[in-house]
């Protein structure tokens, strides 16, 4: 099985003490800091811009994984690269010329990612795998934190793992939505290697302990 990477989402963090929450996540063994960017158009919520990405970048040496749930994500390529994003992930059905934007993300020094909603077929990304460093599967409908994991996601994770393995690349397979101590092992068994968790980390009294428990569940139950 691939290595386990934990990516706590600051969507659930306390923005009055963002740097402290990120430090707690690092202490618990976080591998990536995840930033959910929403524009109120692609999804019914409005969150962060480049300023928050820059704040996260200042607070950590870990990779900053930016997930854009926005229309025309290409408009944010240069601002987010300048703000310090390490990974630039967007939805292929939110734009045209997907391959072009993946290439530009890499040219700007970021890893390039594509994200799929629960009802999006894997065929949306199959032709672009040469240009992809990360494939993100939403395991809830995007827009809000604290939702429950959609059980049908497990089979999709399994099929995505097979697709990546056939491609023979080192693409990260990330899952986001409803990842908790109860669901992370199931997603890991199906082949995911990178796990976004928001409420399950920052919604607890001790984010560091929560992350350690998430990793333990993968190690024990896979």
Protein backbone atom coordinates (compact mmCIF):
# COMPACT_ATOMS: atom_id res chain seq x y z
CA UNK A 1 0.00 0.00 0.00
CA UNK A 2 1.14 3.61 -0.57
CA UNK A 3 2.39 5.69 2.33
CA UNK A 4 -0.23 7.49 4.40
CA UNK A 5 -0.28 11.28 4.17
CA UNK A 6 -2.52 13.36 6.42
CA UNK A 7 -3.73 16.75 5.20
CA UNK A 8 -5.68 18.65 7.87
CA UNK A 9 -8.02 21.24 6.35
CA UNK A 10 -7.88 24.70 7.86
CA UNK A 11 -11.52 25.19 6.83
CA UNK A 12 -12.29 23.86 10.33
CA UNK A 13 -9.48 25.73 12.11
CA UNK A 14 -9.86 28.66 14.50
CA UNK A 15 -8.86 31.68 12.42
CA UNK A 16 -8.22 33.68 15.55
CA UNK A 17 -5.24 31.40 16.14
CA UNK A 18 -4.52 29.91 12.74
CA UNK A 19 -0.77 29.66 13.25
CA UNK A 20 -1.29 27.86 16.56
CA UNK A 21 -3.72 25.38 15.01
CA UNK A 22 -1.30 24.68 12.17
CA UNK A 23 1.47 24.14 14.73
CA UNK A 24 -0.74 21.66 16.59
CA UNK A 25 -1.36 19.82 13.33
CA UNK A 26 2.37 19.66 12.65
CA UNK A 27 2.94 18.31 16.15
CA UNK A 28 0.47 15.52 15.40
CA UNK A 29 2.34 14.48 12.28
CA UNK A 30 0.51 16.32 9.52
CA UNK A 31 2.16 15.90 6.13
CA UNK A 32 0.30 18.62 4.22
CA UNK A 33 -1.81 21.66 5.11
CA UNK A 34 -5.02 21.74 3.06
CA UNK A 35 -6.72 24.99 2.06
CA UNK A 36 -10.26 24.90 0.63
CA UNK A 37 -10.95 27.81 -1.71
CA UNK A 38 -14.62 28.41 -2.63
CA UNK A 39 -16.10 31.23 -4.69
CA UNK A 40 -19.83 30.98 -3.93
CA UNK A 41 -20.46 30.05 -7.57
CA UNK A 42 -19.01 26.59 -8.18
CA UNK A 43 -20.14 25.64 -4.68
CA UNK A 44 -22.62 27.40 -2.36
CA UNK A 45 -20.02 28.75 0.02
CA UNK A 46 -17.39 31.50 0.06
CA UNK A 47 -14.06 31.03 1.81
CA UNK A 48 -10.46 32.02 1.24
CA UNK A 49 -8.21 33.86 -1.17
CA UNK A 50 -4.51 34.23 -1.72
CA UNK A 51 -4.07 36.09 1.57
CA UNK A 52 -5.01 33.05 3.61
CA UNK A 53 -2.73 30.87 1.48
CA UNK A 54 0.10 33.29 2.25
CA UNK A 55 -0.74 33.17 5.97
CA UNK A 56 -0.65 29.38 5.94
CA UNK A 57 2.64 29.47 4.05
CA UNK A 58 4.19 31.69 6.74
CA UNK A 59 2.95 29.38 9.49
CA UNK A 60 4.43 26.13 8.19
CA UNK A 61 7.19 24.49 6.20
CA UNK A 62 4.81 21.72 5.12
CA UNK A 63 3.39 21.68 1.59
CA UNK A 64 0.30 23.87 1.25
CA UNK A 65 -2.32 21.99 -0.76
CA UNK A 66 -4.82 24.42 -2.31
CA UNK A 67 -8.13 22.93 -3.52
CA UNK A 68 -10.04 25.35 -5.71
CA UNK A 69 -13.80 24.86 -5.84
CA UNK A 70 -14.19 27.85 -8.12
CA UNK A 71 -15.24 28.77 -11.64
CA UNK A 72 -12.30 29.57 -13.94
CA UNK A 73 -9.55 28.44 -11.55
CA UNK A 74 -6.92 29.54 -14.06
CA UNK A 75 -7.45 33.10 -12.81
CA UNK A 76 -5.81 32.08 -9.53
CA UNK A 77 -2.75 30.25 -10.84
CA UNK A 78 -0.30 33.12 -10.54
CA UNK A 79 -1.72 34.67 -7.33
CA UNK A 80 -1.65 31.37 -5.48
CA UNK A 81 1.81 30.46 -6.74
CA UNK A 82 3.02 33.85 -5.51
CA UNK A 83 1.31 33.25 -2.16
CA UNK A 84 3.27 30.03 -1.67
CA UNK A 85 0.91 27.23 -2.70
CA UNK A 86 2.69 23.92 -3.19
CA UNK A 87 -0.17 22.03 -4.86
CA UNK A 88 -2.83 23.59 -7.11
CA UNK A 89 -5.92 21.38 -7.48
CA UNK A 90 -9.00 22.32 -9.47
CA UNK A 91 -12.13 20.73 -10.94
CA UNK A 92 -11.96 19.93 -14.67
CA UNK A 93 -15.64 20.76 -15.17
CA UNK A 94 -15.07 24.29 -13.82
CA UNK A 95 -12.95 25.39 -16.76
CA UNK A 96 -11.86 24.76 -20.34
CA UNK A 97 -8.35 23.78 -21.52
CA UNK A 98 -7.61 21.62 -18.49
CA UNK A 99 -4.24 20.38 -19.71
CA UNK A 100 -3.05 23.94 -20.30
CA UNK A 101 -3.81 24.91 -16.70
CA UNK A 102 -2.10 21.79 -15.33
CA UNK A 103 0.99 22.65 -17.35
CA UNK A 104 1.00 26.25 -16.13
CA UNK A 105 0.69 25.11 -12.51
CA UNK A 106 3.84 23.06 -12.95
CA UNK A 107 5.62 25.89 -14.76
CA UNK A 108 4.89 28.12 -11.77
CA UNK A 109 6.54 25.59 -9.44
CA UNK A 110 3.43 23.94 -8.04
CA UNK A 111 2.30 20.34 -8.25
CA UNK A 112 -0.80 19.98 -10.43
CA UNK A 113 -4.00 18.33 -9.20
CA UNK A 114 -7.46 17.52 -10.48
CA UNK A 115 -10.54 17.02 -8.28
CA UNK A 116 -13.72 15.06 -8.93
CA UNK A 117 -17.10 15.43 -7.25
CA UNK A 118 -18.98 12.30 -6.14
CA UNK A 119 -20.98 12.04 -9.39
CA UNK A 120 -18.09 12.92 -11.71
CA UNK A 121 -16.75 9.96 -13.73
CA UNK A 122 -13.08 9.03 -13.69
CA UNK A 123 -13.06 9.54 -17.45
CA UNK A 124 -12.87 13.29 -16.77
CA UNK A 125 -9.24 12.84 -15.71
CA UNK A 126 -8.17 9.70 -17.58
CA UNK A 127 -6.76 11.59 -20.58
CA UNK A 128 -4.76 14.01 -18.44
CA UNK A 129 -2.89 11.67 -16.11
CA UNK A 130 0.51 12.47 -17.65
CA UNK A 131 0.01 16.04 -16.45
CA UNK A 132 -1.39 15.27 -12.99
CA UNK A 133 0.52 14.94 -9.71
CA UNK A 134 -2.54 14.54 -7.46
CA UNK A 135 -6.04 13.19 -7.99
CA UNK A 136 -8.55 14.35 -5.38
CA UNK A 137 -11.80 12.44 -4.95
CA UNK A 138 -14.51 14.28 -3.06
CA UNK A 139 -16.22 11.81 -0.75
CA UNK A 140 -18.97 14.32 0.07
CA UNK A 141 -20.59 16.93 -2.14
CA UNK A 142 -18.28 19.94 -1.94
CA UNK A 143 -19.09 23.21 -0.26
CA UNK A 144 -19.33 22.61 3.48
CA UNK A 145 -17.36 20.83 6.18
CA UNK A 146 -18.72 18.32 8.64
CA UNK A 147 -20.60 16.15 6.14
CA UNK A 148 -20.83 12.35 6.24
CA UNK A 149 -18.70 10.15 4.01
CA UNK A 150 -20.67 8.85 1.00
CA UNK A 151 -20.38 5.01 1.11
CA UNK A 152 -20.35 4.67 -2.68
CA UNK A 153 -17.05 6.59 -2.66
CA UNK A 154 -15.17 3.48 -1.59
CA UNK A 155 -15.63 1.69 -4.91
CA UNK A 156 -14.66 4.85 -6.79
CA UNK A 157 -11.46 5.09 -4.74
CA UNK A 158 -10.72 1.48 -5.64
CA UNK A 159 -11.25 2.15 -9.35
CA UNK A 160 -9.14 5.31 -9.19
CA UNK A 161 -6.30 3.38 -7.56
CA UNK A 162 -6.45 0.81 -10.36
CA UNK A 163 -6.38 3.61 -12.96
CA UNK A 164 -3.32 5.22 -11.36
CA UNK A 165 -1.55 1.89 -11.00
CA UNK A 166 -2.18 1.04 -14.66
CA UNK A 167 -0.78 4.42 -15.58
CA UNK A 168 2.35 3.53 -13.64
CA UNK A 169 2.84 6.94 -12.07
CA UNK A 170 3.38 8.35 -8.61
CA UNK A 171 0.13 10.34 -8.58
CA UNK A 172 -1.18 10.93 -5.07
CA UNK A 173 -4.73 9.67 -4.54
CA UNK A 174 -6.34 12.10 -2.10
CA UNK A 175 -9.79 11.86 -0.52
CA UNK A 176 -11.72 14.70 1.06
CA UNK A 177 -15.03 14.64 2.92
CA UNK A 178 -16.26 12.83 5.99
CA UNK A 179 -12.82 11.42 6.78
CA UNK A 180 -12.88 10.43 10.45
CA UNK A 181 -11.47 7.71 12.68
CA UNK A 182 -14.50 5.64 11.60
CA UNK A 183 -14.01 6.05 7.82
CA UNK A 184 -10.31 6.56 7.16
CA UNK A 185 -9.40 2.86 7.23
CA UNK A 186 -12.07 2.02 4.64
CA UNK A 187 -10.77 4.70 2.29
CA UNK A 188 -7.20 3.56 2.88
CA UNK A 189 -8.01 -0.07 2.18
CA UNK A 190 -9.58 1.02 -1.10
CA UNK A 191 -6.29 2.63 -2.15
CA UNK A 192 -6.28 6.27 -1.04
CA UNK A 193 -2.94 7.50 0.27
CA UNK A 194 -3.65 11.14 1.19
CA UNK A 195 -6.47 12.09 3.55
CA UNK A 196 -8.04 15.51 4.08
CA UNK A 197 -9.71 15.90 7.47
CA UNK A 198 -11.13 19.11 8.87
CA UNK A 199 -13.69 18.70 11.65
CA UNK A 200 -12.12 15.39 12.70
CA UNK A 201 -8.91 17.31 13.49
CA UNK A 202 -9.67 20.93 14.35
CA UNK A 203 -13.10 20.16 15.76
CA UNK A 204 -11.48 18.21 18.61
CA UNK A 205 -9.84 19.52 21.81
CA UNK A 206 -6.45 18.15 20.74
CA UNK A 207 -5.75 18.30 16.97
CA UNK A 208 -2.36 16.64 17.38
CA UNK A 209 -3.86 13.64 19.16
CA UNK A 210 -6.63 13.45 16.55
CA UNK A 211 -4.09 13.22 13.74
CA UNK A 212 -2.11 10.54 15.54
CA UNK A 213 -5.31 8.52 15.97
CA UNK A 214 -6.20 8.89 12.28
CA UNK A 215 -2.78 7.54 11.31
CA UNK A 216 -3.07 4.72 13.84
CA UNK A 217 -6.41 3.64 12.38
CA UNK A 218 -4.79 3.28 8.97
CA UNK A 219 -1.87 1.31 10.35
CA UNK A 220 -4.03 -1.02 12.41
CA UNK A 221 -6.93 -1.63 10.05
CA UNK A 222 -5.50 -1.63 6.53
